[in-house]
Amino acid sequence: MNSDHAARRRDQAVPGDGTLDRRAFVVSGVFTLTAFAGLPWLFGRAEAAMAPVDAATFRTLSAFLTGAADLDPALAERALAQLTTLDADFPGNAGRLADAVGTSDAPSVDDFLAHPASSDQGLRDTMATVISAWYLGYTGTPISLRAEDDTGFVTFTKALMYEPTMDATVRPTYARAGLNYWVEPPDFVTVPPAPPGITSWGRQSPQGVGAIPQAPSTMPEDPAAPPSSAPPATEP
């Protein structure tokens, strides 16, 4: 995408009255999602405050803030609904953030953070809320030792916090190489010599410490316990 094309996209997003056209904003963002690799984000220029975001605009804004181009639309819709439940003002706050991004012409979130348009603490709080939902995979605040809180599930497998170290670690509870991958040693491990047939011994394997003694059928009385005052049980 060349600079002339990007300029045309920005111009299309701005009607004669200088306000941001929502359809052009969404279309430009979706277009950028398909051509993300190293290219500028095309948020239209705006001077007036933007209306509350919908799911498509929220997804485009989330992609800009997180740098992830392939965010699931269904997850974006879920996250927006849950954030709106937590805070009825969130859609409007997100709309103002999208407006500030468009006004700044910042090609990346780092450039936006360096722009004066991002200095408003309310906008920064909204940014943190959006990024947190995608990275942690949930909305709200967990409270330890409590059965209920205001958290809402967004995603586990697509939570962005696992991506930076995916080459070295895996998502919790997930096996990197499939079921029972640990049975065979990795290629880079030199296995020491072992007795022949060790993998097929099963129940015939040597007993290392002998049989485990059986527990007694009745528990002995505690010598320190006070004598029982209950009468002995009698046969009917």
C-alpha atoms as a PDB file:
ATOM      1  CA  MET A   1       0.000   0.000   0.000  1.00  0.00           C
ATOM      2  CA  ASN A   2       1.649   3.286  -1.032  1.00  0.00           C
ATOM      3  CA  SER A   3       1.354   6.696   0.609  1.00  0.00           C
ATOM      4  CA  ASP A   4      -1.045   8.022  -2.069  1.00  0.00           C
ATOM      5  CA  HIS A   5      -3.451   5.156  -1.403  1.00  0.00           C
ATOM      6  CA  ALA A   6      -3.202   5.736   2.346  1.00  0.00           C
ATOM      7  CA  ALA A   7      -3.935   9.427   1.848  1.00  0.00           C
ATOM      8  CA  ARG A   8      -7.008   8.628  -0.231  1.00  0.00           C
ATOM      9  CA  ARG A   9      -8.248   6.314   2.519  1.00  0.00           C
ATOM     10  CA  ARG A  10      -7.831   9.058   5.101  1.00  0.00           C
ATOM     11  CA  ASP A  11      -9.590  11.592   2.889  1.00  0.00           C
ATOM     12  CA  GLN A  12     -12.511   9.202   2.377  1.00  0.00           C
ATOM     13  CA  ALA A  13     -12.880   8.913   6.123  1.00  0.00           C
ATOM     14  CA  VAL A  14     -13.378  12.654   6.491  1.00  0.00           C
ATOM     15  CA  PRO A  15     -16.546  14.250   5.076  1.00  0.00           C
ATOM     16  CA  GLY A  16     -16.657  17.954   4.376  1.00  0.00           C
ATOM     17  CA  ASP A  17     -17.656  18.805   7.947  1.00  0.00           C
ATOM     18  CA  GLY A  18     -14.424  17.330   9.319  1.00  0.00           C
ATOM     19  CA  THR A  19     -16.074  14.505  11.315  1.00  0.00           C
ATOM     20  CA  LEU A  20     -14.914  10.914  11.190  1.00  0.00           C
ATOM     21  CA  ASP A  21     -17.033   8.696   8.954  1.00  0.00           C
ATOM     22  CA  ARG A  22     -17.628   5.417  10.832  1.00  0.00           C
ATOM     23  CA  ARG A  23     -17.938   3.265   7.720  1.00  0.00           C
ATOM     24  CA  ALA A  24     -14.679   4.609   6.291  1.00  0.00           C
ATOM     25  CA  PHE A  25     -13.001   4.069   9.659  1.00  0.00           C
ATOM     26  CA  VAL A  26     -14.097   0.428   9.827  1.00  0.00           C
ATOM     27  CA  VAL A  27     -13.356  -0.289   6.159  1.00  0.00           C
ATOM     28  CA  SER A  28      -9.913   1.252   6.378  1.00  0.00           C
ATOM     29  CA  GLY A  29      -9.177  -0.761   9.512  1.00  0.00           C
ATOM     30  CA  VAL A  30     -10.389  -4.028   7.959  1.00  0.00           C
ATOM     31  CA  PHE A  31      -8.324  -3.322   4.862  1.00  0.00           C
ATOM     32  CA  THR A  32      -5.278  -2.826   7.046  1.00  0.00           C
ATOM     33  CA  LEU A  33      -5.966  -6.039   8.922  1.00  0.00           C
ATOM     34  CA  THR A  34      -5.511  -7.955   5.677  1.00  0.00           C
ATOM     35  CA  ALA A  35      -2.319  -6.108   4.806  1.00  0.00           C
ATOM     36  CA  PHE A  36      -0.838  -5.695   8.266  1.00  0.00           C
ATOM     37  CA  ALA A  37       2.803  -6.640   7.736  1.00  0.00           C
ATOM     38  CA  GLY A  38       4.757  -3.489   8.400  1.00  0.00           C
ATOM     39  CA  LEU A  39       2.142  -1.128   6.970  1.00  0.00           C
ATOM     40  CA  PRO A  40       0.598   1.965   8.636  1.00  0.00           C
ATOM     41  CA  TRP A  41      -2.789   1.737  10.266  1.00  0.00           C
ATOM     42  CA  LEU A  42      -5.419   3.734   8.438  1.00  0.00           C
ATOM     43  CA  PHE A  43      -7.540   5.454  11.039  1.00  0.00           C
ATOM     44  CA  GLY A  44      -9.301   8.376   9.419  1.00  0.00           C
ATOM     45  CA  ARG A  45      -8.606  11.922  10.567  1.00  0.00           C
ATOM     46  CA  ALA A  46     -11.265  13.363  12.838  1.00  0.00           C
ATOM     47  CA  GLU A  47     -11.935  16.562  14.730  1.00  0.00           C
ATOM     48  CA  ALA A  48     -15.287  15.831  16.339  1.00  0.00           C
ATOM     49  CA  ALA A  49     -15.844  13.253  19.076  1.00  0.00           C
ATOM     50  CA  MET A  50     -16.619   9.794  17.787  1.00  0.00           C
ATOM     51  CA  ALA A  51     -19.841   7.998  18.655  1.00  0.00           C
ATOM     52  CA  PRO A  52     -19.712   4.890  20.891  1.00  0.00           C
ATOM     53  CA  VAL A  53     -17.869   2.039  19.206  1.00  0.00           C
ATOM     54  CA  ASP A  54     -19.536  -1.037  17.762  1.00  0.00           C
ATOM     55  CA  ALA A  55     -17.919  -4.498  17.641  1.00  0.00           C
ATOM     56  CA  ALA A  56     -16.222  -3.952  14.257  1.00  0.00           C
ATOM     57  CA  THR A  57     -14.708  -0.621  15.277  1.00  0.00           C
ATOM     58  CA  PHE A  58     -13.697  -2.062  18.651  1.00  0.00           C
ATOM     59  CA  ARG A  59     -11.878  -4.887  16.856  1.00  0.00           C
ATOM     60  CA  THR A  60     -10.025  -2.420  14.626  1.00  0.00           C
ATOM     61  CA  LEU A  61      -9.081  -0.299  17.632  1.00  0.00           C
ATOM     62  CA  SER A  62      -7.984  -3.405  19.561  1.00  0.00           C
ATOM     63  CA  ALA A  63      -5.796  -4.528  16.664  1.00  0.00           C
ATOM     64  CA  PHE A  64      -4.120  -1.131  16.604  1.00  0.00           C
ATOM     65  CA  LEU A  65      -3.492  -1.116  20.369  1.00  0.00           C
ATOM     66  CA  THR A  66      -2.215  -4.704  20.586  1.00  0.00           C
ATOM     67  CA  GLY A  67      -0.414  -4.937  17.235  1.00  0.00           C
ATOM     68  CA  ALA A  68      -2.279  -8.185  16.496  1.00  0.00           C
ATOM     69  CA  ALA A  69      -3.870  -8.222  13.050  1.00  0.00           C
ATOM     70  CA  ASP A  70      -5.898 -11.438  13.313  1.00  0.00           C
ATOM     71  CA  LEU A  71      -8.168 -10.797  16.301  1.00  0.00           C
ATOM     72  CA  ASP A  72     -11.259 -12.986  16.242  1.00  0.00           C
ATOM     73  CA  PRO A  73     -14.417 -10.939  15.513  1.00  0.00           C
ATOM     74  CA  ALA A  74     -16.480 -13.122  17.865  1.00  0.00           C
ATOM     75  CA  LEU A  75     -14.004 -12.494  20.690  1.00  0.00           C
ATOM     76  CA  ALA A  76     -14.070  -8.766  19.978  1.00  0.00           C
ATOM     77  CA  GLU A  77     -17.850  -8.780  20.257  1.00  0.00           C
ATOM     78  CA  ARG A  78     -17.693 -10.746  23.510  1.00  0.00           C
ATOM     79  CA  ALA A  79     -15.032  -8.505  25.047  1.00  0.00           C
ATOM     80  CA  LEU A  80     -16.929  -5.346  24.097  1.00  0.00           C
ATOM     81  CA  ALA A  81     -20.170  -6.692  25.598  1.00  0.00           C
ATOM     82  CA  GLN A  82     -18.468  -7.608  28.867  1.00  0.00           C
ATOM     83  CA  LEU A  83     -16.596  -4.316  29.143  1.00  0.00           C
ATOM     84  CA  THR A  84     -19.876  -2.493  28.515  1.00  0.00           C
ATOM     85  CA  THR A  85     -21.543  -4.522  31.269  1.00  0.00           C
ATOM     86  CA  LEU A  86     -18.787  -3.506  33.667  1.00  0.00           C
ATOM     87  CA  ASP A  87     -18.899   0.147  32.621  1.00  0.00           C
ATOM     88  CA  ALA A  88     -21.782   1.646  30.659  1.00  0.00           C
ATOM     89  CA  ASP A  89     -19.503   4.524  29.622  1.00  0.00           C
ATOM     90  CA  PHE A  90     -16.931   2.222  28.035  1.00  0.00           C
ATOM     91  CA  PRO A  91     -18.270   2.349  24.431  1.00  0.00           C
ATOM     92  CA  GLY A  92     -18.170   6.148  24.529  1.00  0.00           C
ATOM     93  CA  ASN A  93     -14.708   6.155  26.077  1.00  0.00           C
ATOM     94  CA  ALA A  94     -13.481   3.734  23.421  1.00  0.00           C
ATOM     95  CA  GLY A  95     -15.040   5.962  20.765  1.00  0.00           C
ATOM     96  CA  ARG A  96     -13.098   8.954  22.090  1.00  0.00           C
ATOM     97  CA  LEU A  97      -9.926   6.860  22.062  1.00  0.00           C
ATOM     98  CA  ALA A  98     -10.523   5.838  18.450  1.00  0.00           C
ATOM     99  CA  ASP A  99     -11.099   9.496  17.605  1.00  0.00           C
ATOM    100  CA  ALA A 100      -7.802  10.476  19.252  1.00  0.00           C
ATOM    101  CA  VAL A 101      -5.977   7.742  17.342  1.00  0.00           C
ATOM    102  CA  GLY A 102      -7.454   8.948  14.072  1.00  0.00           C
ATOM    103  CA  THR A 103      -6.603  12.565  14.812  1.00  0.00           C
ATOM    104  CA  SER A 104      -2.999  11.731  15.676  1.00  0.00           C
ATOM    105  CA  ASP A 105      -2.302   9.923  12.372  1.00  0.00           C
ATOM    106  CA  ALA A 106      -0.014   7.646  14.434  1.00  0.00           C
ATOM    107  CA  PRO A 107       1.043   4.571  12.415  1.00  0.00           C
ATOM    108  CA  SER A 108       1.535   2.423  15.543  1.00  0.00           C
ATOM    109  CA  VAL A 109       0.571   2.359  19.187  1.00  0.00           C
ATOM    110  CA  ASP A 110       4.110   3.362  20.198  1.00  0.00           C
ATOM    111  CA  ASP A 111       3.863   6.444  18.002  1.00  0.00           C
ATOM    112  CA  PHE A 112       0.456   7.217  19.484  1.00  0.00           C
ATOM    113  CA  LEU A 113       1.857   7.006  23.023  1.00  0.00           C
ATOM    114  CA  ALA A 114       4.472   9.573  22.037  1.00  0.00           C
ATOM    115  CA  HIS A 115       1.812  11.891  20.603  1.00  0.00           C
ATOM    116  CA  PRO A 116       0.224  14.644  22.753  1.00  0.00           C
ATOM    117  CA  ALA A 117      -3.223  13.240  21.886  1.00  0.00           C
ATOM    118  CA  SER A 118      -2.525  10.264  24.185  1.00  0.00           C
ATOM    119  CA  SER A 119      -1.633  12.345  27.227  1.00  0.00           C
ATOM    120  CA  ASP A 120      -5.192  12.328  28.610  1.00  0.00           C
ATOM    121  CA  GLN A 121      -5.340   9.952  31.564  1.00  0.00           C
ATOM    122  CA  GLY A 122      -8.859   8.834  30.675  1.00  0.00           C
ATOM    123  CA  LEU A 123      -7.684   7.710  27.242  1.00  0.00           C
ATOM    124  CA  ARG A 124      -4.737   5.879  28.793  1.00  0.00           C
ATOM    125  CA  ASP A 125      -7.058   4.085  31.205  1.00  0.00           C
ATOM    126  CA  THR A 126      -9.258   3.000  28.294  1.00  0.00           C
ATOM    127  CA  MET A 127      -6.182   1.778  26.421  1.00  0.00           C
ATOM    128  CA  ALA A 128      -5.129  -0.287  29.442  1.00  0.00           C
ATOM    129  CA  THR A 129      -8.616  -1.770  29.747  1.00  0.00           C
ATOM    130  CA  VAL A 130      -8.724  -2.854  26.097  1.00  0.00           C
ATOM    131  CA  ILE A 131      -5.179  -4.249  26.037  1.00  0.00           C
ATOM    132  CA  SER A 132      -5.705  -6.068  29.341  1.00  0.00           C
ATOM    133  CA  ALA A 133      -8.797  -7.887  28.044  1.00  0.00           C
ATOM    134  CA  TRP A 134      -6.894  -9.231  25.034  1.00  0.00           C
ATOM    135  CA  TYR A 135      -3.666 -10.111  26.840  1.00  0.00           C
ATOM    136  CA  LEU A 136      -5.169 -11.690  29.945  1.00  0.00           C
ATOM    137  CA  GLY A 137      -8.153 -13.239  28.181  1.00  0.00           C
ATOM    138  CA  TYR A 138     -10.717 -11.941  30.661  1.00  0.00           C
ATOM    139  CA  THR A 139     -12.377  -8.741  31.792  1.00  0.00           C
ATOM    140  CA  GLY A 140     -12.950  -7.480  35.318  1.00  0.00           C
ATOM    141  CA  THR A 141     -10.920  -8.043  38.473  1.00  0.00           C
ATOM    142  CA  PRO A 142     -10.493 -11.511  40.031  1.00  0.00           C
ATOM    143  CA  ILE A 143     -10.862 -11.615  43.814  1.00  0.00           C
ATOM    144  CA  SER A 144      -9.054 -14.420  45.636  1.00  0.00           C
ATOM    145  CA  LEU A 145     -10.957 -16.716  47.974  1.00  0.00           C
ATOM    146  CA  ARG A 146     -14.298 -15.554  46.679  1.00  0.00           C
ATOM    147  CA  ALA A 147     -16.856 -17.596  44.770  1.00  0.00           C
ATOM    148  CA  GLU A 148     -18.100 -14.632  42.720  1.00  0.00           C
ATOM    149  CA  ASP A 149     -16.528 -11.469  41.306  1.00  0.00           C
ATOM    150  CA  ASP A 150     -16.949  -9.327  38.210  1.00  0.00           C
ATOM    151  CA  THR A 151     -14.594 -11.225  35.893  1.00  0.00           C
ATOM    152  CA  GLY A 152     -15.826 -12.398  32.493  1.00  0.00           C
ATOM    153  CA  PHE A 153     -14.149 -14.952  30.229  1.00  0.00           C
ATOM    154  CA  VAL A 154     -12.967 -13.764  26.815  1.00  0.00           C
ATOM    155  CA  THR A 155     -10.522 -16.430  25.607  1.00  0.00           C
ATOM    156  CA  PHE A 156      -7.857 -18.816  26.862  1.00  0.00           C
ATOM    157  CA  THR A 157      -6.118 -20.237  23.827  1.00  0.00           C
ATOM    158  CA  LYS A 158      -6.012 -16.850  22.069  1.00  0.00           C
ATOM    159  CA  ALA A 159      -4.954 -14.732  25.040  1.00  0.00           C
ATOM    160  CA  LEU A 160      -2.088 -12.611  23.727  1.00  0.00           C
ATOM    161  CA  MET A 161       0.088 -12.948  26.820  1.00  0.00           C
ATOM    162  CA  TYR A 162       1.244 -16.381  25.675  1.00  0.00           C
ATOM    163  CA  GLU A 163       2.433 -15.281  22.231  1.00  0.00           C
ATOM    164  CA  PRO A 164       5.779 -13.570  23.071  1.00  0.00           C
ATOM    165  CA  THR A 165       7.242 -16.766  24.567  1.00  0.00           C
ATOM    166  CA  MET A 166       5.439 -19.335  22.408  1.00  0.00           C
ATOM    167  CA  ASP A 167       8.773 -20.524  20.969  1.00  0.00           C
ATOM    168  CA  ALA A 168       9.932 -21.564  24.446  1.00  0.00           C
ATOM    169  CA  THR A 169       6.834 -22.265  26.534  1.00  0.00           C
ATOM    170  CA  VAL A 170       3.315 -23.488  25.965  1.00  0.00           C
ATOM    171  CA  ARG A 171      -0.045 -22.411  27.296  1.00  0.00           C
ATOM    172  CA  PRO A 172      -0.698 -23.867  30.755  1.00  0.00           C
ATOM    173  CA  THR A 173      -2.227 -27.378  30.640  1.00  0.00           C
ATOM    174  CA  TYR A 174      -1.325 -27.742  26.926  1.00  0.00           C
ATOM    175  CA  ALA A 175       1.277 -30.239  25.681  1.00  0.00           C
ATOM    176  CA  ARG A 176       3.595 -28.953  22.984  1.00  0.00           C
ATOM    177  CA  ALA A 177       3.884 -32.227  21.057  1.00  0.00           C
ATOM    178  CA  GLY A 178       0.532 -33.877  21.703  1.00  0.00           C
ATOM    179  CA  LEU A 179      -0.744 -36.555  24.061  1.00  0.00           C
ATOM    180  CA  ASN A 180       1.950 -38.498  25.952  1.00  0.00           C
ATOM    181  CA  TYR A 181       4.709 -36.588  24.159  1.00  0.00           C
ATOM    182  CA  TRP A 182       6.950 -37.130  27.193  1.00  0.00           C
ATOM    183  CA  VAL A 183       7.122 -40.927  26.676  1.00  0.00           C
ATOM    184  CA  GLU A 184       9.893 -40.569  24.111  1.00  0.00           C
ATOM    185  CA  PRO A 185      12.928 -38.412  24.987  1.00  0.00           C
ATOM    186  CA  PRO A 186      13.555 -35.271  22.920  1.00  0.00           C
ATOM    187  CA  ASP A 187      16.008 -35.507  20.033  1.00  0.00           C
ATOM    188  CA  PHE A 188      18.554 -33.348  21.848  1.00  0.00           C
ATOM    189  CA  VAL A 189      18.701 -35.664  24.911  1.00  0.00           C
ATOM    190  CA  THR A 190      21.273 -38.485  25.013  1.00  0.00           C
ATOM    191  CA  VAL A 191      19.580 -41.393  26.757  1.00  0.00           C
ATOM    192  CA  PRO A 192      21.878 -43.426  29.037  1.00  0.00           C
ATOM    193  CA  PRO A 193      22.038 -47.195  28.523  1.00  0.00           C
ATOM    194  CA  ALA A 194      19.114 -49.098  30.056  1.00  0.00           C
ATOM    195  CA  PRO A 195      18.341 -52.800  30.508  1.00  0.00           C
ATOM    196  CA  PRO A 196      16.842 -54.396  27.394  1.00  0.00           C
ATOM    197  CA  GLY A 197      13.051 -54.492  27.271  1.00  0.00           C
ATOM    198  CA  ILE A 198      12.645 -51.852  29.971  1.00  0.00           C
ATOM    199  CA  THR A 199       9.820 -50.145  28.095  1.00  0.00           C
ATOM    200  CA  SER A 200       7.788 -53.366  28.021  1.00  0.00           C
ATOM    201  CA  TRP A 201       8.321 -54.637  31.567  1.00  0.00           C
ATOM    202  CA  GLY A 202       5.028 -53.283  32.874  1.00  0.00           C
ATOM    203  CA  ARG A 203       3.895 -55.259  35.927  1.00  0.00           C
ATOM    204  CA  GLN A 204       6.942 -57.492  35.551  1.00  0.00           C
ATOM    205  CA  SER A 205       9.327 -54.628  36.398  1.00  0.00           C
ATOM    206  CA  PRO A 206      11.749 -55.231  39.296  1.00  0.00           C
ATOM    207  CA  GLN A 207      10.477 -54.347  42.748  1.00  0.00           C
ATOM    208  CA  GLY A 208      12.661 -51.558  44.094  1.00  0.00           C
ATOM    209  CA  VAL A 209      11.494 -51.483  47.720  1.00  0.00           C
ATOM    210  CA  GLY A 210       9.286 -54.520  47.939  1.00  0.00           C
ATOM    211  CA  ALA A 211       5.557 -54.576  48.585  1.00  0.00           C
ATOM    212  CA  ILE A 212       3.939 -51.663  50.365  1.00  0.00           C
ATOM    213  CA  PRO A 213       2.587 -52.902  53.706  1.00  0.00           C
ATOM    214  CA  GLN A 214      -1.155 -52.918  54.059  1.00  0.00           C
ATOM    215  CA  ALA A 215      -2.742 -50.424  56.454  1.00  0.00           C
ATOM    216  CA  PRO A 216      -4.435 -51.973  59.508  1.00  0.00           C
ATOM    217  CA  SER A 217      -8.166 -52.526  59.204  1.00  0.00           C
ATOM    218  CA  THR A 218      -8.802 -50.677  62.489  1.00  0.00           C
ATOM    219  CA  MET A 219      -7.127 -47.521  63.650  1.00  0.00           C
ATOM    220  CA  PRO A 220      -5.411 -47.749  67.081  1.00  0.00           C
ATOM    221  CA  GLU A 221      -6.714 -45.450  69.788  1.00  0.00           C
ATOM    222  CA  ASP A 222      -4.853 -42.254  70.518  1.00  0.00           C
ATOM    223  CA  PRO A 223      -3.145 -42.683  73.928  1.00  0.00           C
ATOM    224  CA  ALA A 224      -3.544 -38.970  74.604  1.00  0.00           C
ATOM    225  CA  ALA A 225      -7.287 -38.969  73.921  1.00  0.00           C
ATOM    226  CA  PRO A 226      -9.575 -38.716  76.994  1.00  0.00           C
ATOM    227  CA  PRO A 227     -11.533 -41.858  77.861  1.00  0.00           C
ATOM    228  CA  SER A 228     -14.830 -42.143  76.073  1.00  0.00           C
ATOM    229  CA  SER A 229     -17.923 -41.675  78.243  1.00  0.00           C
ATOM    230  CA  ALA A 230     -20.224 -43.312  75.743  1.00  0.00           C
ATOM    231  CA  PRO A 231     -21.587 -46.721  76.814  1.00  0.00           C
ATOM    232  CA  PRO A 232     -20.260 -49.658  74.816  1.00  0.00           C
ATOM    233  CA  ALA A 233     -22.353 -50.762  71.912  1.00  0.00           C
ATOM    234  CA  THR A 234     -24.511 -53.847  72.556  1.00  0.00           C
ATOM    235  CA  GLU A 235     -25.741 -56.449  70.171  1.00  0.00           C
ATOM    236  CA  PRO A 236     -29.496 -56.191  69.415  1.00  0.00           C
END
